[in-house]
């Protein structure tokens, strides 16, 4: 019997025994074995502030509502990255800005799921279950979509699903089989103990299968981590222009917090995203990936061009850059959808943050994306146009985006999209032309 090293054993043990829940979770599953398409769904849990991530700097009411949290016009100190005459990107989203210029990013604004309340748990449930109300299903829309993809009958479908954490997120639960994997934080064991437990596992059919599956998954993830060139870098420090133009009284403190936050968030994203890329770039590996990121609930001290949210956006942006770099040529066949459960209030609250809202922003990124545009039926931020007098009014159903990507990129049959994947979604017509032909 070959010797099992510590890294293999610890990852395998985490799978076989359930593992510990991490702050980020990763799930994979396969689809048509002949398809080269890759699809990644990223859930930003906690309600991302879409008016900060993609500021409508050209709206005359934006600066009035956002006051000290307003992102400036392009070219100003800490100003937005210009997309068009109305919308920009937060200055920490440098990679997304480059992707937009390369026509690999589409931004959706004033977008939401059918959910109209403001509970994180219920909002996330609707975002993942694909129905119009929370707790309507125990399965998720992406898992049901996988089950509906026509399989290549000449080849068996492998179980290569992996979840970072002990639970597969709702969006990936259902009839299509997925597995779970997590990097273990357990202390290392000596070689003799490892060999004894390996031998013990070999005598149990269930555990030996799980161990073998875990070893295969861990080998892919470990290879991806070992191939990584940069173990520390995610988002670089703010640009020299931002440094020079920031307010002198606050500059050093904000820069220190931003860089510290980027380093901390970057390390977390690096591990997850490199593992994801390791699976996705294999010819016989998974083609669908889901992972989430927490910490987007910015009720207080949100910051603007610099600060708490800027650090998180920077880590996310740099993680996405890492995903592209690690995927290499597979990137051209990849589409990444980034979404959150709902947006945040249009106006600043009393603690220099924003509260739970409704309309949000979403992003579709990748080499397979027909990008370089903003898709939004913009309702405006005048008081009379706000939803319930406080939120950005949603004018686009996120299921329209999901349907369009699943139909044109993942090749889910239209009938299955309407009947099984997104029941009761006739009003959410699929958006076409989101991916390259």
Foldseek 3Di string as FASTA:
>chain_A
DDFDFQQLLQFLVCQVVLHAFDQKKKKFFAAALPDLFFEEEEAEAQFFAQCQQKNQQLFPCQCVFQPQQHAHDPPAQQHFDDLDNGIGGGLLLVLQSVQLVVQFKEKEWLEAALDADFDRVFLVQCVFQQENGHPPDQAGLQLLLRVQHDYDVVDDTDAQIEMAGSDDDRNNDDDGDHGYTHRHPDDTDDRVVSVVVLVVQVVDVVSVVSSVSSSVLSVLLVVLVVPDDDQFDFFDQRDPSNLVNPDPVCRVVQSVQLVVLLRVLLNVLVSVLSSVLSQSLDSSGGRYMYMYHYDNNWQAFCHHSTGDVSSNSNSVSRSVVVNPVSNDPSQLSYKYKYYYSAHWWSHRDPRSTTHGAHIRMIMIGTSFFSHNYYDYPAQGDDQVSADVSIHRNRDAYVLLAVLQCSCPRVNRDPVCCDVPSNDPPPVHHHDHPGGDD
